């Protein structure tokens, strides 16, 4: 028999969970292609290592942009590779698939995601909104008549939502998250230190010494290598965590502003619930040092980072599949709960 799967189709990473097994795959959303033959050379981790290091005829592609499919064929090839790797297809049945997407995508983008999943897996495909699924994966009980707020900071998008009675009351999706912060660091290094670095280096800097709020008593330093913007020669410079806080400050502030705008639109009863229950931070971006402190100070409510922020969406999708009504046919423009989007 086939095993039902939940897919977090992220801009930076694809995570797949199997019902009863948890998260079984976590790989970068990258595909390496030979442009002369259109042959797929590598997928996932192996392809990610090629980014910025390939010869002219090999192109490392990220087929997802801002949480949606930008290259359908490459996305299908990537999903095919991952599904084949997992061996979840059965001999006599096909798996049900729960796939997650940002809250503000169009019907055309929804259709593209569903078709890519159907072609790769072949079974029934259900589409759900990312922050709601992330909240479930983080252990929040969103089906009670109380308000819960989740901020999901991923690679391509930041999704903010207030959920009650199993559905989203108010939400906002920004095409601003980890990838934009990486670019902030690239720009800062060029403007301030006259050094040109790549996407990989920026990501490493963010993970090593990145912080949303510099602590004068805990300033960390890191040596960064790159290319001199003037001479073109290889150079190295030393930077500190305070500089990274300055580099990404504007992006962090935009996420905070979006969270404030969501809070301003909800009924006062739900606002009171959020004061009591706090805000749940999830997604890879929530692992940025002190981001919970900065958001809590700005919103004046408690903020908690979930235990497994990278896996919450995939886990939540798998959890929803366990309780899905199997007699209900999936529909391309309908959510799990049958409401027309």
Protein backbone atom coordinates (compact mmCIF):
# COMPACT_ATOMS: atom_id res chain seq x y z
CA UNK A 1 0.00 0.00 0.00
CA UNK A 2 1.09 3.56 -0.68
CA UNK A 3 2.20 5.79 2.18
CA UNK A 4 0.52 9.20 2.49
CA UNK A 5 2.92 12.13 2.44
CA UNK A 6 3.02 15.78 3.41
CA UNK A 7 5.22 18.11 1.35
CA UNK A 8 6.65 21.47 2.38
CA UNK A 9 7.53 22.81 -1.06
CA UNK A 10 9.78 25.62 0.10
CA UNK A 11 11.83 28.14 -1.84
CA UNK A 12 15.00 27.09 -0.02
CA UNK A 13 14.25 23.48 0.99
CA UNK A 14 11.83 20.67 0.23
CA UNK A 15 10.75 18.62 3.25
CA UNK A 16 8.68 15.46 3.00
CA UNK A 17 6.95 13.72 5.89
CA UNK A 18 5.36 10.28 5.75
CA UNK A 19 2.35 9.49 7.90
CA UNK A 20 3.50 7.55 10.94
CA UNK A 21 7.21 8.12 10.23
CA UNK A 22 7.69 11.88 10.54
CA UNK A 23 10.04 13.91 8.32
CA UNK A 24 12.02 11.56 6.09
CA UNK A 25 13.55 14.01 3.60
CA UNK A 26 15.01 17.52 3.88
CA UNK A 27 16.97 18.74 0.88
CA UNK A 28 17.66 22.07 -0.85
CA UNK A 29 15.24 23.09 -3.62
CA UNK A 30 17.96 23.11 -6.28
CA UNK A 31 18.33 21.26 -9.58
CA UNK A 32 21.52 21.20 -11.70
CA UNK A 33 20.87 20.98 -15.44
CA UNK A 34 23.13 20.64 -18.48
CA UNK A 35 21.89 23.47 -20.70
CA UNK A 36 23.18 21.76 -23.85
CA UNK A 37 21.19 18.56 -23.39
CA UNK A 38 18.54 19.70 -20.83
CA UNK A 39 19.56 16.67 -18.78
CA UNK A 40 19.15 16.80 -14.99
CA UNK A 41 22.60 16.21 -13.50
CA UNK A 42 21.91 16.56 -9.78
CA UNK A 43 19.08 17.36 -7.38
CA UNK A 44 18.98 18.57 -3.78
CA UNK A 45 22.16 18.66 -1.69
CA UNK A 46 24.43 17.65 -4.54
CA UNK A 47 23.00 20.39 -6.78
CA UNK A 48 23.19 22.99 -3.98
CA UNK A 49 26.94 22.45 -3.70
CA UNK A 50 27.20 23.43 -7.37
CA UNK A 51 25.59 26.87 -6.94
CA UNK A 52 28.11 29.51 -8.01
CA UNK A 53 30.69 26.87 -8.95
CA UNK A 54 29.42 25.46 -12.28
CA UNK A 55 30.95 25.75 -15.77
CA UNK A 56 29.04 27.60 -18.48
CA UNK A 57 27.01 24.64 -19.72
CA UNK A 58 25.77 23.59 -16.25
CA UNK A 59 23.14 25.69 -14.54
CA UNK A 60 22.03 25.29 -10.92
CA UNK A 61 18.33 26.28 -10.86
CA UNK A 62 16.05 27.02 -7.93
CA UNK A 63 12.68 26.23 -9.55
CA UNK A 64 10.65 27.83 -6.74
CA UNK A 65 10.56 31.57 -6.24
CA UNK A 66 8.73 33.35 -3.41
CA UNK A 67 7.06 30.10 -2.39
CA UNK A 68 5.56 29.35 -5.84
CA UNK A 69 6.67 27.48 -8.94
CA UNK A 70 8.72 29.58 -11.36
CA UNK A 71 9.84 26.65 -13.54
CA UNK A 72 7.21 23.91 -13.83
CA UNK A 73 9.27 21.27 -15.65
CA UNK A 74 12.24 21.56 -13.29
CA UNK A 75 9.93 21.44 -10.24
CA UNK A 76 8.32 18.27 -11.60
CA UNK A 77 11.75 16.71 -12.18
CA UNK A 78 12.81 17.63 -8.64
CA UNK A 79 9.66 16.16 -7.07
CA UNK A 80 9.99 13.02 -9.19
CA UNK A 81 13.54 12.54 -7.90
CA UNK A 82 12.56 12.97 -4.26
CA UNK A 83 9.45 10.74 -4.47
CA UNK A 84 11.41 8.01 -6.26
CA UNK A 85 14.10 8.26 -3.59
CA UNK A 86 11.54 7.70 -0.83
CA UNK A 87 9.71 4.79 -2.51
CA UNK A 88 6.32 5.81 -1.09
CA UNK A 89 4.27 4.63 -4.08
CA UNK A 90 2.43 1.35 -3.54
CA UNK A 91 1.82 -1.54 -5.89
CA UNK A 92 -1.98 -1.32 -5.62
CA UNK A 93 -2.59 2.25 -4.47
CA UNK A 94 -1.24 5.76 -4.81
CA UNK A 95 -0.43 8.05 -1.88
CA UNK A 96 -2.55 10.98 -0.80
CA UNK A 97 -0.51 14.16 -0.77
CA UNK A 98 -0.89 17.27 1.36
CA UNK A 99 1.13 20.13 -0.11
CA UNK A 100 1.47 23.58 1.43
CA UNK A 101 1.60 27.05 -0.13
CA UNK A 102 1.72 30.72 0.95
CA UNK A 103 -1.59 32.39 1.80
CA UNK A 104 -1.72 34.90 -1.06
CA UNK A 105 -0.94 32.81 -4.14
CA UNK A 106 -3.22 33.00 -7.18
CA UNK A 107 -5.48 30.25 -8.54
CA UNK A 108 -3.05 29.78 -11.44
CA UNK A 109 -0.18 29.27 -8.99
CA UNK A 110 -2.32 26.83 -6.97
CA UNK A 111 -3.08 24.87 -10.12
CA UNK A 112 0.62 24.69 -11.03
CA UNK A 113 1.54 23.33 -7.58
CA UNK A 114 -1.23 20.70 -7.66
CA UNK A 115 -0.42 19.58 -11.22
CA UNK A 116 3.29 19.23 -10.40
CA UNK A 117 2.43 17.07 -7.38
CA UNK A 118 -0.10 14.98 -9.32
CA UNK A 119 2.37 14.28 -12.13
CA UNK A 120 5.10 13.33 -9.66
CA UNK A 121 3.11 11.26 -7.18
CA UNK A 122 -0.02 10.33 -9.09
CA UNK A 123 -2.41 10.27 -6.14
CA UNK A 124 -4.96 12.64 -4.64
CA UNK A 125 -3.52 16.08 -3.92
CA UNK A 126 -4.74 18.47 -1.24
CA UNK A 127 -3.50 22.04 -0.93
CA UNK A 128 -3.42 23.93 2.36
CA UNK A 129 -2.16 27.29 3.58
CA UNK A 130 1.31 27.24 5.05
CA UNK A 131 0.91 29.18 8.32
CA UNK A 132 -2.12 27.10 9.37
CA UNK A 133 -0.27 23.85 8.70
CA UNK A 134 2.85 25.21 10.42
CA UNK A 135 0.81 26.03 13.53
CA UNK A 136 -0.46 22.43 13.67
CA UNK A 137 3.07 21.10 13.19
CA UNK A 138 4.28 23.35 16.02
CA UNK A 139 1.76 21.74 18.37
CA UNK A 140 -0.83 24.53 18.50
CA UNK A 141 -4.49 23.55 18.86
CA UNK A 142 -5.99 25.77 16.19
CA UNK A 143 -9.41 24.08 16.19
CA UNK A 144 -10.55 25.68 19.46
CA UNK A 145 -12.59 28.94 19.53
CA UNK A 146 -9.52 30.88 20.62
CA UNK A 147 -7.06 32.94 18.64
CA UNK A 148 -3.58 31.63 17.79
CA UNK A 149 -0.96 33.64 15.90
CA UNK A 150 1.88 32.15 13.89
CA UNK A 151 4.72 33.84 11.99
CA UNK A 152 6.33 31.48 9.48
CA UNK A 153 9.61 32.91 8.15
CA UNK A 154 10.85 30.71 5.33
CA UNK A 155 13.33 31.14 2.51
CA UNK A 156 11.15 32.97 -0.02
CA UNK A 157 8.14 34.16 1.98
CA UNK A 158 7.12 35.21 5.47
CA UNK A 159 3.55 34.18 6.26
CA UNK A 160 1.73 35.72 9.20
CA UNK A 161 -1.69 34.46 10.27
CA UNK A 162 -4.17 34.51 13.12
CA UNK A 163 -6.08 31.23 13.28
CA UNK A 164 -9.27 30.25 15.14
CA UNK A 165 -11.69 27.32 14.81
CA UNK A 166 -9.40 25.62 12.31
CA UNK A 167 -9.26 28.43 9.79
CA UNK A 168 -7.40 31.67 9.09
CA UNK A 169 -9.08 34.83 10.42
CA UNK A 170 -6.51 37.31 9.11
CA UNK A 171 -3.24 36.83 7.28
CA UNK A 172 -0.48 38.51 5.31
CA UNK A 173 2.22 37.03 3.11
CA UNK A 174 5.44 38.87 2.31
CA UNK A 175 7.85 37.97 -0.46
CA UNK A 176 10.59 38.72 2.03
CA UNK A 177 12.36 36.15 4.17
CA UNK A 178 15.69 34.33 4.44
CA UNK A 179 16.73 34.83 0.80
CA UNK A 180 16.22 38.60 1.02
CA UNK A 181 18.25 38.69 4.25
CA UNK A 182 21.05 36.84 2.44
CA UNK A 183 20.96 39.49 -0.29
CA UNK A 184 20.99 42.20 2.39
CA UNK A 185 24.27 40.74 3.65
CA UNK A 186 25.72 40.54 0.12
CA UNK A 187 24.83 44.21 -0.49
CA UNK A 188 26.18 45.31 2.89
CA UNK A 189 29.51 43.56 2.34
CA UNK A 190 29.94 45.24 -1.03
CA UNK A 191 28.91 48.71 0.12
CA UNK A 192 30.74 48.71 3.46
CA UNK A 193 33.78 46.49 2.89
CA UNK A 194 34.17 46.57 -0.91
CA UNK A 195 34.06 42.79 -1.01
CA UNK A 196 31.87 40.70 -3.29
CA UNK A 197 30.56 37.47 -1.82
CA UNK A 198 28.12 34.84 -3.08
CA UNK A 199 24.84 33.43 -1.86
CA UNK A 200 26.53 30.54 -0.03
CA UNK A 201 28.84 32.84 1.87
CA UNK A 202 25.98 35.13 2.90
CA UNK A 203 24.00 32.13 4.15
CA UNK A 204 26.98 30.93 6.20
CA UNK A 205 27.48 34.39 7.70
CA UNK A 206 23.81 34.57 8.69
CA UNK A 207 23.90 31.13 10.31
CA UNK A 208 27.23 31.70 12.06
CA UNK A 209 26.95 35.22 13.52
CA UNK A 210 23.60 36.52 12.27
CA UNK A 211 21.38 38.25 14.80
CA UNK A 212 18.30 40.45 14.70
CA UNK A 213 19.55 42.48 17.66
CA UNK A 214 23.19 43.03 18.54
CA UNK A 215 24.21 42.33 22.13
CA UNK A 216 27.11 44.62 23.21
CA UNK A 217 28.21 41.93 25.66
CA UNK A 218 28.23 39.17 23.06
CA UNK A 219 29.76 40.49 19.84
CA UNK A 220 30.93 37.67 17.58
CA UNK A 221 33.40 38.01 14.74
CA UNK A 222 33.92 36.06 11.52
CA UNK A 223 36.49 36.18 8.75
CA UNK A 224 34.88 36.39 5.32
CA UNK A 225 36.59 35.65 2.02
CA UNK A 226 35.52 37.02 -1.34
CA UNK A 227 36.57 39.17 -4.29
CA UNK A 228 37.73 42.76 -3.99
CA UNK A 229 35.12 44.97 -5.69
CA UNK A 230 37.85 47.33 -7.02
CA UNK A 231 40.84 45.16 -7.92
CA UNK A 232 38.99 41.90 -8.53
CA UNK A 233 41.56 40.03 -6.44
CA UNK A 234 40.66 37.54 -3.65
CA UNK A 235 40.60 39.18 -0.21
CA UNK A 236 39.35 38.48 3.30
CA UNK A 237 37.82 40.83 5.89
CA UNK A 238 36.65 40.44 9.48
CA UNK A 239 33.06 41.36 10.31
CA UNK A 240 31.01 41.17 13.50
CA UNK A 241 27.45 40.26 14.51
CA UNK A 242 26.53 43.92 15.06
CA UNK A 243 27.14 44.60 11.38
CA UNK A 244 24.85 41.74 10.36
CA UNK A 245 22.11 43.12 12.62
CA UNK A 246 22.46 46.45 10.79
CA UNK A 247 22.47 44.74 7.37
CA UNK A 248 19.18 42.87 7.90
CA UNK A 249 17.46 45.45 10.12
CA UNK A 250 15.11 46.77 7.41
CA UNK A 251 13.94 43.27 6.39
CA UNK A 252 13.24 42.30 10.00
CA UNK A 253 11.33 45.55 10.50
CA UNK A 254 9.15 44.86 7.44
CA UNK A 255 8.16 41.47 8.89
CA UNK A 256 7.29 43.18 12.19
CA UNK A 257 5.22 45.81 10.37
CA UNK A 258 3.29 43.08 8.55
CA UNK A 259 2.59 41.33 11.87
CA UNK A 260 1.30 44.60 13.32
CA UNK A 261 -1.01 45.11 10.34
CA UNK A 262 -2.51 41.63 10.86
CA UNK A 263 -3.09 42.29 14.56
CA UNK A 264 -4.81 45.58 13.74
CA UNK A 265 -7.50 43.80 11.70
CA UNK A 266 -8.61 41.08 14.13
CA UNK A 267 -11.49 41.27 16.66
CA UNK A 268 -10.48 42.41 20.16
CA UNK A 269 -11.42 39.01 21.65
CA UNK A 270 -8.82 37.29 19.47
CA UNK A 271 -6.27 39.97 20.32
CA UNK A 272 -6.85 39.19 24.00
CA UNK A 273 -6.25 35.49 23.31
CA UNK A 274 -2.92 36.27 21.64
CA UNK A 275 -1.80 38.29 24.68
CA UNK A 276 -2.45 35.16 26.76
CA UNK A 277 -1.15 32.54 24.31
CA UNK A 278 1.62 34.51 22.62
CA UNK A 279 2.95 34.24 19.08
CA UNK A 280 4.55 31.11 17.62
CA UNK A 281 7.61 31.63 15.40
CA UNK A 282 8.38 28.92 12.89
CA UNK A 283 10.34 28.40 9.67
CA UNK A 284 14.10 28.59 9.11
CA UNK A 285 14.12 32.35 9.64
CA UNK A 286 12.93 31.93 13.22
CA UNK A 287 16.33 30.40 14.03
CA UNK A 288 17.95 33.82 13.59
CA UNK A 289 19.38 34.82 16.96
CA UNK A 290 17.26 37.27 19.00
CA UNK A 291 14.49 37.56 16.38
CA UNK A 292 11.96 36.41 18.99
CA UNK A 293 13.14 39.16 21.34
CA UNK A 294 12.86 41.86 18.66
CA UNK A 295 9.37 40.77 17.57
CA UNK A 296 8.17 40.44 21.17
CA UNK A 297 9.39 43.96 22.01
CA UNK A 298 7.66 45.40 18.93
CA UNK A 299 4.32 43.58 19.36
CA UNK A 300 4.32 43.71 23.19
CA UNK A 301 3.19 40.06 23.40
CA UNK A 302 5.13 36.89 24.28
CA UNK A 303 6.91 35.25 21.33
CA UNK A 304 8.08 31.63 21.33
CA UNK A 305 10.22 29.81 18.76
CA UNK A 306 8.86 26.32 18.01
CA UNK A 307 10.93 23.25 18.84
CA UNK A 308 11.53 22.11 15.24
CA UNK A 309 10.93 25.26 13.16
CA UNK A 310 12.30 23.77 9.95
CA UNK A 311 10.02 20.72 10.09
CA UNK A 312 6.74 22.23 11.33
CA UNK A 313 5.04 22.58 7.93
CA UNK A 314 5.90 19.05 6.79
CA UNK A 315 4.85 17.59 10.16
CA UNK A 316 1.60 19.58 10.15
CA UNK A 317 0.77 18.40 6.63
CA UNK A 318 1.28 14.78 7.64
CA UNK A 319 -0.85 15.30 10.76
CA UNK A 320 -3.71 16.75 8.70
CA UNK A 321 -3.59 13.80 6.33
CA UNK A 322 -4.08 11.39 9.23
CA UNK A 323 -7.47 12.97 9.99
CA UNK A 324 -8.63 13.76 6.47
CA UNK A 325 -12.05 12.55 5.32
CA UNK A 326 -11.10 10.04 2.65
CA UNK A 327 -14.56 10.21 1.09
CA UNK A 328 -14.00 13.85 0.16
CA UNK A 329 -12.54 14.31 -3.29
CA UNK A 330 -9.73 16.87 -3.54
CA UNK A 331 -10.53 19.86 -5.71
CA UNK A 332 -8.05 22.15 -7.35
CA UNK A 333 -9.52 25.38 -6.04
CA UNK A 334 -10.78 24.16 -2.69
CA UNK A 335 -9.06 23.83 0.66
CA UNK A 336 -9.06 20.77 2.87
CA UNK A 337 -12.16 22.01 4.61
CA UNK A 338 -14.11 22.47 1.36
CA UNK A 339 -14.21 26.25 1.18
CA UNK A 340 -13.70 27.88 -2.17
CA UNK A 341 -10.56 29.88 -2.21
